[in-house]
Amino acid sequence: MKRKTRKMKRIMAIVLTLLMACQTMPVFAADAVVETESNESQEQSVLGENILEENILEESVLEENNSEKDELAENDSVNQEKEEEADSLKNANSEEVMAMEDGTAEIDTKAPVAVDNYVRNSNWSGLVNAVGMTWNSSQNAYCKNGASFFQNWDIAYLVCTDATMSLYGVSYGMSVNDVNACMKRAGWPPKSIYSYKWGGIMTVYFTNWDNHFHGNAIEFDFTSAGNLLSWRWVSQPEGDDLDMPFQDVPLNAWYYNSVRYTYQRWYMTGMRDNYFGASEALSRAQFVCVFHRMAGEPGVSYNGRFPDVSSGAFYTTPVTWASNNGIVSGYSNGRFGPADNVTREQAAVFLYRYAAYRGYNTTYRNNLSAFPDRGNVSSFAQTAMKWAVGAGLISGDNGRLNPQGLASRAQCASIIERFIKKFGA
């Protein structure tokens, strides 16, 4: 449009010049004076017309130049707008890509609501508000997504089948080992009951140890990866029958309380599901594992000190740790004998050395005169046995020390309970 305007101005300037030129053509007259004056007038007119023409042309050129500058400026402005728009789209696309990469564009990454304190304090209204539950009359419960809570007299139920809530760090999708680790860190004992359901789902019940069933029933898909499908928390009075899963530890057994005590603290967790092995002998590797757990399961690097303690065994780290700290030294042939059953005098030596490692009192002494078989105590175990009897950890076996006799798992549980109650873990 601007180019057409400039062309029209040029044409109008040319037309105006031609018209003025036509007006300045000579006029024939009889009077010479008039002709002279006319010529002078014509010369002045031509001069003025030439100046006017030059001004018009100059103005036209200036306008053209200004128009070209305006056009260039306009083009620059348009290009700048296009560049800004492109940059904006580029940034938007970059942000969108980043959002897609970190999942924020598609996935709600809100962490599960931790309900530990509400559960501990029975603060149910606070729990409902924190999770954002609303009353669902059809389910007769407060609900949000896969989480629900309801009460029936003195029984409270909290159920979660997705990632809406977490309890003691336990949340949807965790593995069995991770769940156990969370419950252990929270101070809960190991599972007290387990059962299998249809489809291979395993339910594990964790109970507290104050004679009330604070059950954290956790369902696992046992046949696949063993990930947590759901959990439910129940609060209701129950008896001791839910304290342990072991069918071979009856309530009236002399060792029941000792097994319960060590089991609830994760020190002795049984031979297998539902079986503690109370009457079975305890191996040297198993006994060292108990001390390692009592010490907080410190980590160490494998050093291969004992040829019969290979890397990767369940007892490798405990035996390596115990060896590094002078709790075990192995046999004279350089082997440790992890599968050998621990004798009563060996148990006394392990206890004595562990007490020294922990800085506990090792000055207790008993001369063992009350035991007719005191002469059977090996020289390496004399000090440790006198200390163990003097500290009240070992009281004899039917009036005898029986130093080379095997220590059953029930007897070891009893000794460990006495040790912790006297000195600490």
Protein backbone atom coordinates (compact mmCIF):
# COMPACT_ATOMS: atom_id res chain seq x y z
CA MET A 1 0.00 0.00 0.00
CA LYS A 2 2.82 2.39 0.88
CA ARG A 3 4.59 1.64 -2.43
CA LYS A 4 1.42 2.53 -4.40
CA THR A 5 1.16 5.84 -2.50
CA ARG A 6 4.73 6.79 -3.40
CA LYS A 7 4.07 6.05 -7.10
CA MET A 8 0.95 8.23 -7.05
CA LYS A 9 2.92 11.13 -5.53
CA ARG A 10 5.56 10.85 -8.27
CA ILE A 11 2.86 10.91 -10.98
CA MET A 12 1.13 13.90 -9.41
CA ALA A 13 4.46 15.79 -9.24
CA ILE A 14 5.12 15.13 -12.93
CA VAL A 15 1.59 16.15 -13.90
CA LEU A 16 1.89 19.38 -11.88
CA THR A 17 5.21 20.18 -13.56
CA LEU A 18 3.70 19.67 -17.00
CA LEU A 19 0.73 21.89 -16.19
CA MET A 20 2.97 24.70 -14.95
CA ALA A 21 5.15 24.37 -18.01
CA CYS A 22 2.10 24.77 -20.25
CA GLN A 23 1.10 27.94 -18.40
CA THR A 24 4.56 29.51 -18.98
CA MET A 25 4.54 29.22 -22.81
CA PRO A 26 5.11 32.66 -24.70
CA VAL A 27 2.07 34.91 -25.35
CA PHE A 28 2.15 37.07 -28.59
CA ALA A 29 1.16 40.70 -28.00
CA ALA A 30 1.45 43.97 -30.07
CA ASP A 31 2.84 45.95 -27.22
CA ALA A 32 6.54 45.28 -26.83
CA VAL A 33 6.54 46.60 -23.28
CA VAL A 34 3.87 44.14 -22.35
CA GLU A 35 5.90 41.36 -24.05
CA THR A 36 9.01 42.35 -22.11
CA GLU A 37 7.14 42.45 -18.85
CA SER A 38 5.53 39.15 -19.76
CA ASN A 39 8.92 37.58 -20.48
CA GLU A 40 10.28 38.79 -17.16
CA SER A 41 7.19 37.52 -15.46
CA GLN A 42 7.53 34.23 -17.30
CA GLU A 43 11.17 33.88 -16.22
CA GLN A 44 10.22 34.52 -12.62
CA SER A 45 7.33 32.10 -12.95
CA VAL A 46 9.60 29.41 -14.44
CA LEU A 47 12.14 30.01 -11.70
CA GLY A 48 9.46 29.68 -9.07
CA GLU A 49 8.04 26.63 -10.76
CA ASN A 50 11.46 25.03 -10.92
CA ILE A 51 12.00 25.70 -7.24
CA LEU A 52 8.51 24.37 -6.50
CA GLU A 53 9.19 21.28 -8.56
CA GLU A 54 12.50 20.69 -6.83
CA ASN A 55 10.83 21.11 -3.42
CA ILE A 56 8.06 18.73 -4.40
CA LEU A 57 10.51 16.16 -5.70
CA GLU A 58 12.73 16.60 -2.65
CA GLU A 59 9.73 16.22 -0.36
CA SER A 60 8.66 13.17 -2.31
CA VAL A 61 12.10 11.62 -1.93
CA LEU A 62 12.10 12.41 1.80
CA GLU A 63 8.67 10.89 2.17
CA GLU A 64 9.81 7.85 0.25
CA ASN A 65 12.89 7.49 2.44
CA ASN A 66 10.81 7.94 5.57
CA SER A 67 8.31 5.40 4.29
CA GLU A 68 11.09 2.92 3.62
CA LYS A 69 12.42 3.52 7.15
CA ASP A 70 8.94 3.03 8.55
CA GLU A 71 8.54 -0.13 6.54
CA LEU A 72 11.90 -1.43 7.74
CA ALA A 73 11.00 -0.57 11.34
CA GLU A 74 7.64 -2.26 10.90
CA ASN A 75 9.32 -5.34 9.46
CA ASP A 76 11.78 -5.37 12.38
CA SER A 77 8.89 -5.10 14.81
CA VAL A 78 7.06 -7.94 13.10
CA ASN A 79 10.22 -10.08 13.07
CA GLN A 80 10.83 -9.30 16.73
CA GLU A 81 7.26 -10.29 17.58
CA LYS A 82 7.71 -13.53 15.65
CA GLU A 83 11.00 -14.24 17.44
CA GLU A 84 9.41 -13.54 20.81
CA GLU A 85 6.50 -15.80 19.93
CA ALA A 86 8.90 -18.53 18.82
CA ASP A 87 10.92 -18.15 22.04
CA SER A 88 7.73 -18.30 24.05
CA LEU A 89 6.64 -21.47 22.27
CA LYS A 90 10.11 -22.90 22.69
CA ASN A 91 10.09 -22.19 26.42
CA ALA A 92 6.59 -23.58 26.75
CA ASN A 93 7.59 -26.72 24.88
CA SER A 94 10.73 -27.01 27.00
CA GLU A 95 8.71 -26.67 30.19
CA GLU A 96 6.23 -29.21 28.91
CA VAL A 97 9.00 -31.65 28.04
CA MET A 98 10.57 -31.17 31.46
CA ALA A 99 7.22 -31.69 33.09
CA MET A 100 6.69 -34.86 31.10
CA GLU A 101 10.18 -36.09 32.02
CA ASP A 102 9.77 -35.59 35.75
CA GLY A 103 6.18 -36.82 35.66
CA THR A 104 4.54 -33.69 37.05
CA ALA A 105 2.43 -33.20 33.97
CA GLU A 106 0.80 -36.60 34.19
CA ILE A 107 1.30 -37.92 37.72
CA ASP A 108 0.19 -36.56 41.09
CA THR A 109 3.38 -36.88 43.13
CA LYS A 110 1.88 -36.02 46.53
CA ALA A 111 3.44 -38.11 49.27
CA PRO A 112 1.20 -40.32 51.42
CA VAL A 113 -0.11 -38.66 54.56
CA ALA A 114 1.78 -40.03 57.59
CA VAL A 115 -0.76 -40.98 60.25
CA ASP A 116 1.61 -42.34 62.93
CA ASN A 117 0.98 -39.69 65.59
CA TYR A 118 -2.79 -39.74 65.09
CA VAL A 119 -2.83 -43.51 65.55
CA ARG A 120 -0.55 -43.44 68.61
CA ASN A 121 -2.71 -40.80 70.32
CA SER A 122 -6.08 -42.12 69.08
CA ASN A 123 -6.66 -38.67 67.54
CA TRP A 124 -9.25 -39.80 65.04
CA SER A 125 -10.72 -36.38 64.23
CA GLY A 126 -7.22 -35.08 63.53
CA LEU A 127 -6.54 -38.08 61.31
CA VAL A 128 -9.73 -37.59 59.31
CA ASN A 129 -8.94 -33.90 58.77
CA ALA A 130 -5.27 -34.48 57.91
CA VAL A 131 -6.08 -37.09 55.27
CA GLY A 132 -9.09 -35.16 53.98
CA MET A 133 -11.62 -37.92 54.54
CA THR A 134 -15.35 -37.32 54.26
CA TRP A 135 -18.23 -39.33 55.64
CA ASN A 136 -19.54 -42.04 53.33
CA SER A 137 -22.94 -43.19 54.57
CA SER A 138 -23.04 -46.21 52.25
CA GLN A 139 -19.81 -47.56 53.78
CA ASN A 140 -20.54 -46.17 57.24
CA ALA A 141 -16.98 -44.82 57.34
CA TYR A 142 -14.83 -41.78 56.62
CA CYS A 143 -13.22 -42.29 53.21
CA LYS A 144 -10.82 -40.80 50.70
CA ASN A 145 -9.60 -42.74 47.68
CA GLY A 146 -8.48 -46.13 49.04
CA ALA A 147 -8.31 -44.97 52.66
CA SER A 148 -11.10 -45.42 55.18
CA PHE A 149 -11.61 -45.13 58.94
CA PHE A 150 -14.45 -46.20 61.19
CA GLN A 151 -15.12 -47.02 64.84
CA ASN A 152 -17.31 -49.64 66.44
CA TRP A 153 -17.52 -49.07 70.19
CA ASP A 154 -13.94 -49.39 71.50
CA ILE A 155 -12.58 -50.87 68.27
CA ALA A 156 -11.01 -48.57 65.67
CA TYR A 157 -10.26 -49.63 62.10
CA LEU A 158 -7.98 -47.85 59.66
CA VAL A 159 -7.66 -49.32 56.17
CA CYS A 160 -5.60 -48.24 53.17
CA THR A 161 -5.44 -49.92 49.77
CA ASP A 162 -3.42 -47.28 47.89
CA ALA A 163 -0.80 -44.55 48.48
CA THR A 164 -3.14 -42.13 50.30
CA MET A 165 -1.68 -42.85 53.75
CA SER A 166 1.47 -44.27 55.35
CA LEU A 167 1.89 -45.82 58.80
CA TYR A 168 5.31 -46.03 60.46
CA GLY A 169 6.80 -45.47 57.02
CA VAL A 170 4.87 -48.39 55.52
CA SER A 171 3.07 -47.48 52.31
CA TYR A 172 1.56 -49.06 49.23
CA GLY A 173 3.89 -51.08 46.98
CA MET A 174 6.65 -51.77 49.53
CA SER A 175 8.44 -55.10 49.62
CA VAL A 176 8.24 -57.52 52.53
CA ASN A 177 11.77 -56.66 53.65
CA ASP A 178 11.09 -52.92 53.51
CA VAL A 179 7.93 -53.34 55.58
CA ASN A 180 9.83 -55.37 58.18
CA ALA A 181 12.55 -52.71 58.31
CA CYS A 182 9.97 -49.93 58.84
CA MET A 183 8.20 -51.80 61.62
CA LYS A 184 11.50 -52.63 63.30
CA ARG A 185 12.61 -48.98 63.21
CA ALA A 186 9.26 -48.00 64.71
CA GLY A 187 9.92 -50.30 67.69
CA TRP A 188 7.38 -52.98 66.82
CA PRO A 189 8.16 -56.67 67.29
CA PRO A 190 8.14 -59.10 64.35
CA LYS A 191 4.98 -60.62 62.97
CA SER A 192 2.78 -62.48 65.43
CA ILE A 193 0.50 -64.30 62.97
CA TYR A 194 0.58 -65.00 59.29
CA SER A 195 -1.74 -66.78 56.89
CA TYR A 196 -2.19 -67.35 53.19
CA LYS A 197 -5.25 -66.40 51.18
CA TRP A 198 -6.52 -67.08 47.71
CA GLY A 199 -4.24 -65.99 44.90
CA GLY A 200 -1.11 -66.39 47.03
CA ILE A 201 -1.75 -63.29 49.14
CA MET A 202 -0.09 -63.50 52.54
CA THR A 203 -1.40 -61.56 55.55
CA VAL A 204 1.08 -60.68 58.30
CA TYR A 205 -0.03 -59.27 61.64
CA PHE A 206 2.27 -57.08 63.71
CA THR A 207 1.21 -56.61 67.33
CA ASN A 208 2.54 -54.40 70.07
CA TRP A 209 3.66 -55.81 73.40
CA ASP A 210 1.29 -54.25 75.94
CA ASN A 211 -1.33 -57.00 75.75
CA HIS A 212 -3.44 -54.97 73.33
CA PHE A 213 -3.78 -55.88 69.71
CA HIS A 214 -2.63 -52.90 67.68
CA GLY A 215 -2.64 -54.99 64.59
CA ASN A 216 -1.01 -53.79 61.44
CA ALA A 217 -2.26 -56.45 59.06
CA ILE A 218 -0.30 -56.25 55.84
CA GLU A 219 -1.22 -58.18 52.73
CA PHE A 220 1.50 -59.32 50.35
CA ASP A 221 1.31 -60.82 46.91
CA PHE A 222 3.49 -63.79 47.79
CA THR A 223 3.43 -65.36 44.34
CA SER A 224 4.85 -62.35 42.51
CA ALA A 225 7.20 -59.65 43.74
CA GLY A 226 5.85 -59.65 47.29
CA ASN A 227 4.72 -56.03 47.22
CA LEU A 228 2.29 -54.48 49.68
CA LEU A 229 -1.29 -54.47 48.40
CA SER A 230 -2.99 -52.95 51.43
CA TRP A 231 -2.70 -52.45 55.15
CA ARG A 232 -5.14 -52.06 57.98
CA TRP A 233 -4.67 -50.92 61.56
CA VAL A 234 -6.96 -52.26 64.26
CA SER A 235 -7.14 -51.29 67.94
CA GLN A 236 -8.91 -53.67 70.28
CA PRO A 237 -8.17 -55.58 73.50
CA GLU A 238 -6.70 -59.03 73.00
CA GLY A 239 -4.68 -61.57 74.95
CA ASP A 240 -1.15 -62.92 74.75
CA ASP A 241 -2.12 -65.42 72.09
CA LEU A 242 -1.26 -62.79 69.52
CA ASP A 243 2.21 -62.06 70.88
CA MET A 244 4.09 -64.67 68.85
CA PRO A 245 3.49 -66.97 65.88
CA PHE A 246 5.32 -70.00 67.36
CA GLN A 247 3.27 -73.14 67.82
CA ASP A 248 6.09 -74.87 69.71
CA VAL A 249 6.16 -72.25 72.51
CA PRO A 250 3.13 -72.96 74.75
CA LEU A 251 1.93 -70.38 77.26
CA ASN A 252 2.88 -72.58 80.23
CA ALA A 253 6.45 -73.31 79.06
CA TRP A 254 9.24 -72.12 81.44
CA TYR A 255 10.92 -70.37 78.50
CA TYR A 256 7.77 -68.70 77.10
CA ASN A 257 8.54 -65.23 78.48
CA SER A 258 12.19 -65.40 77.42
CA VAL A 259 11.33 -66.42 73.87
CA ARG A 260 8.67 -63.70 73.74
CA TYR A 261 11.14 -61.13 75.12
CA THR A 262 13.89 -61.85 72.59
CA TYR A 263 11.46 -62.29 69.71
CA GLN A 264 9.69 -58.98 70.26
CA ARG A 265 13.06 -57.22 70.07
CA TRP A 266 14.06 -58.94 66.80
CA TYR A 267 17.03 -60.71 68.47
CA MET A 268 15.77 -64.29 68.01
CA THR A 269 13.14 -64.53 65.27
CA GLY A 270 12.62 -68.29 64.98
CA MET A 271 13.81 -71.07 62.74
CA ARG A 272 10.94 -70.64 60.30
CA ASP A 273 7.34 -69.43 60.23
CA ASN A 274 5.39 -70.66 63.29
CA TYR A 275 8.42 -72.59 64.61
CA PHE A 276 10.95 -71.26 67.11
CA GLY A 277 12.88 -74.49 67.68
CA ALA A 278 12.97 -74.13 71.47
CA SER A 279 14.50 -77.53 72.12
CA GLU A 280 16.99 -77.42 69.26
CA ALA A 281 20.62 -76.52 69.77
CA LEU A 282 21.78 -73.05 68.76
CA SER A 283 24.61 -72.89 66.24
CA ARG A 284 27.67 -70.71 66.73
CA ALA A 285 26.67 -68.60 63.70
CA GLN A 286 23.14 -68.10 65.06
CA PHE A 287 24.43 -67.04 68.49
CA VAL A 288 26.79 -64.48 66.95
CA CYS A 289 23.87 -63.15 64.90
CA VAL A 290 22.02 -62.45 68.16
CA PHE A 291 24.89 -60.29 69.45
CA HIS A 292 25.16 -58.49 66.12
CA ARG A 293 21.47 -57.57 66.28
CA MET A 294 21.80 -56.45 69.89
CA ALA A 295 24.64 -54.13 68.81
CA GLY A 296 22.45 -52.52 66.14
CA GLU A 297 23.66 -54.59 63.16
CA PRO A 298 26.80 -52.56 62.34
CA GLY A 299 28.16 -53.01 58.83
CA VAL A 300 31.67 -54.31 58.05
CA SER A 301 33.65 -55.33 55.00
CA TYR A 302 34.28 -59.00 54.33
CA ASN A 303 37.89 -59.93 55.09
CA GLY A 304 37.87 -63.71 54.56
CA ARG A 305 39.55 -64.37 57.91
CA PHE A 306 37.86 -67.74 58.34
CA PRO A 307 38.01 -70.14 55.38
CA ASP A 308 34.64 -71.65 56.35
CA VAL A 309 32.86 -68.25 56.43
CA SER A 310 32.17 -67.42 52.82
CA SER A 311 30.99 -64.10 51.46
CA GLY A 312 27.23 -63.66 51.21
CA ALA A 313 26.07 -66.06 53.93
CA PHE A 314 23.47 -64.85 56.44
CA TYR A 315 26.13 -64.94 59.15
CA THR A 316 29.06 -63.45 57.16
CA THR A 317 28.69 -59.88 58.39
CA PRO A 318 27.91 -60.85 62.04
CA VAL A 319 30.90 -63.24 62.27
CA THR A 320 33.23 -60.74 60.56
CA TRP A 321 32.06 -57.98 62.92
CA ALA A 322 32.44 -60.23 66.00
CA SER A 323 35.91 -61.29 64.90
CA ASN A 324 37.01 -57.69 64.28
CA ASN A 325 35.89 -56.75 67.80
CA GLY A 326 37.40 -59.70 69.69
CA ILE A 327 34.09 -61.39 70.48
CA VAL A 328 35.00 -64.57 68.59
CA SER A 329 38.41 -65.94 67.69
CA GLY A 330 37.67 -69.30 66.06
CA TYR A 331 39.26 -72.67 66.61
CA SER A 332 42.98 -73.41 66.77
CA ASN A 333 42.83 -74.74 63.20
CA GLY A 334 41.82 -71.30 61.94
CA ARG A 335 38.24 -72.19 61.23
CA PHE A 336 35.15 -70.70 62.85
CA GLY A 337 32.72 -73.62 62.62
CA PRO A 338 29.53 -71.63 61.89
CA ALA A 339 27.33 -74.74 61.79
CA ASP A 340 28.74 -76.23 64.99
CA ASN A 341 26.37 -76.09 67.94
CA VAL A 342 27.46 -73.68 70.63
CA THR A 343 28.37 -75.24 73.99
CA ARG A 344 27.44 -73.74 77.34
CA GLU A 345 31.00 -72.66 78.07
CA GLN A 346 31.39 -71.16 74.58
CA ALA A 347 28.18 -69.22 75.20
CA ALA A 348 29.68 -67.90 78.44
CA VAL A 349 32.83 -66.79 76.58
CA PHE A 350 30.84 -65.02 73.85
CA LEU A 351 28.75 -63.22 76.50
CA TYR A 352 31.84 -62.18 78.49
CA ARG A 353 33.62 -60.79 75.43
CA TYR A 354 30.51 -59.02 74.19
CA ALA A 355 30.07 -57.38 77.62
CA ALA A 356 33.68 -56.18 77.44
CA TYR A 357 33.11 -54.84 73.92
CA ARG A 358 30.07 -52.89 75.14
CA GLY A 359 31.88 -51.60 78.20
CA TYR A 360 29.69 -53.44 80.71
CA ASN A 361 30.84 -54.67 84.11
CA THR A 362 33.04 -57.77 83.73
CA THR A 363 34.29 -57.91 87.33
CA TYR A 364 31.62 -60.32 88.63
CA ARG A 365 33.10 -63.59 89.92
CA ASN A 366 31.85 -66.87 91.39
CA ASN A 367 34.26 -69.60 92.44
CA LEU A 368 31.93 -72.29 91.07
CA SER A 369 32.33 -74.35 94.25
CA ALA A 370 28.63 -75.19 94.23
CA PHE A 371 28.98 -77.16 91.00
CA PRO A 372 30.46 -80.64 91.16
CA ASP A 373 31.54 -80.55 87.52
CA ARG A 374 33.40 -77.26 87.78
CA GLY A 375 36.64 -79.05 86.91
CA ASN A 376 35.25 -79.80 83.45
CA VAL A 377 35.33 -76.15 82.47
CA SER A 378 38.01 -75.60 79.81
CA SER A 379 40.89 -73.28 80.67
CA PHE A 380 39.91 -70.74 77.99
CA ALA A 381 36.41 -70.49 79.55
CA GLN A 382 37.30 -70.36 83.28
CA THR A 383 37.12 -66.56 83.70
CA ALA A 384 34.06 -66.21 81.49
CA MET A 385 32.14 -68.98 83.28
CA LYS A 386 32.94 -67.54 86.74
CA TRP A 387 31.77 -64.12 85.52
CA ALA A 388 28.55 -65.50 83.92
CA VAL A 389 27.60 -67.38 87.10
CA GLY A 390 28.58 -64.43 89.29
CA ALA A 391 26.44 -62.05 87.19
CA GLY A 392 23.46 -64.41 87.42
CA LEU A 393 23.38 -65.21 83.71
CA ILE A 394 24.01 -68.95 84.07
CA SER A 395 22.47 -70.82 87.01
CA GLY A 396 23.33 -74.40 86.15
CA ASP A 397 21.65 -77.37 84.49
CA ASN A 398 20.09 -79.65 87.13
CA GLY A 399 22.72 -78.53 89.65
CA ARG A 400 25.60 -78.89 87.22
CA LEU A 401 27.43 -76.49 84.91
CA ASN A 402 27.54 -79.01 82.07
CA PRO A 403 30.12 -76.82 80.30
CA GLN A 404 30.52 -79.01 77.21
CA GLY A 405 26.81 -79.60 76.91
CA LEU A 406 24.89 -77.94 74.11
CA ALA A 407 22.88 -74.81 74.77
CA SER A 408 19.33 -75.04 73.46
CA ARG A 409 17.66 -72.13 71.76
CA ALA A 410 15.28 -71.80 74.71
CA GLN A 411 18.21 -71.68 77.18
CA CYS A 412 20.00 -69.07 75.07
CA ALA A 413 16.83 -66.95 74.94
CA SER A 414 16.69 -67.09 78.73
CA ILE A 415 20.38 -66.11 79.07
CA ILE A 416 19.98 -63.22 76.60
CA GLU A 417 16.93 -61.92 78.47
CA ARG A 418 18.87 -61.92 81.75
CA PHE A 419 21.86 -60.22 80.10
CA ILE A 420 19.76 -57.37 78.65
CA LYS A 421 17.83 -56.79 81.85
CA LYS A 422 21.09 -56.59 83.85
CA PHE A 423 23.36 -54.71 81.44
CA GLY A 424 21.40 -53.63 78.38
CA ALA A 425 21.50 -54.77 74.78
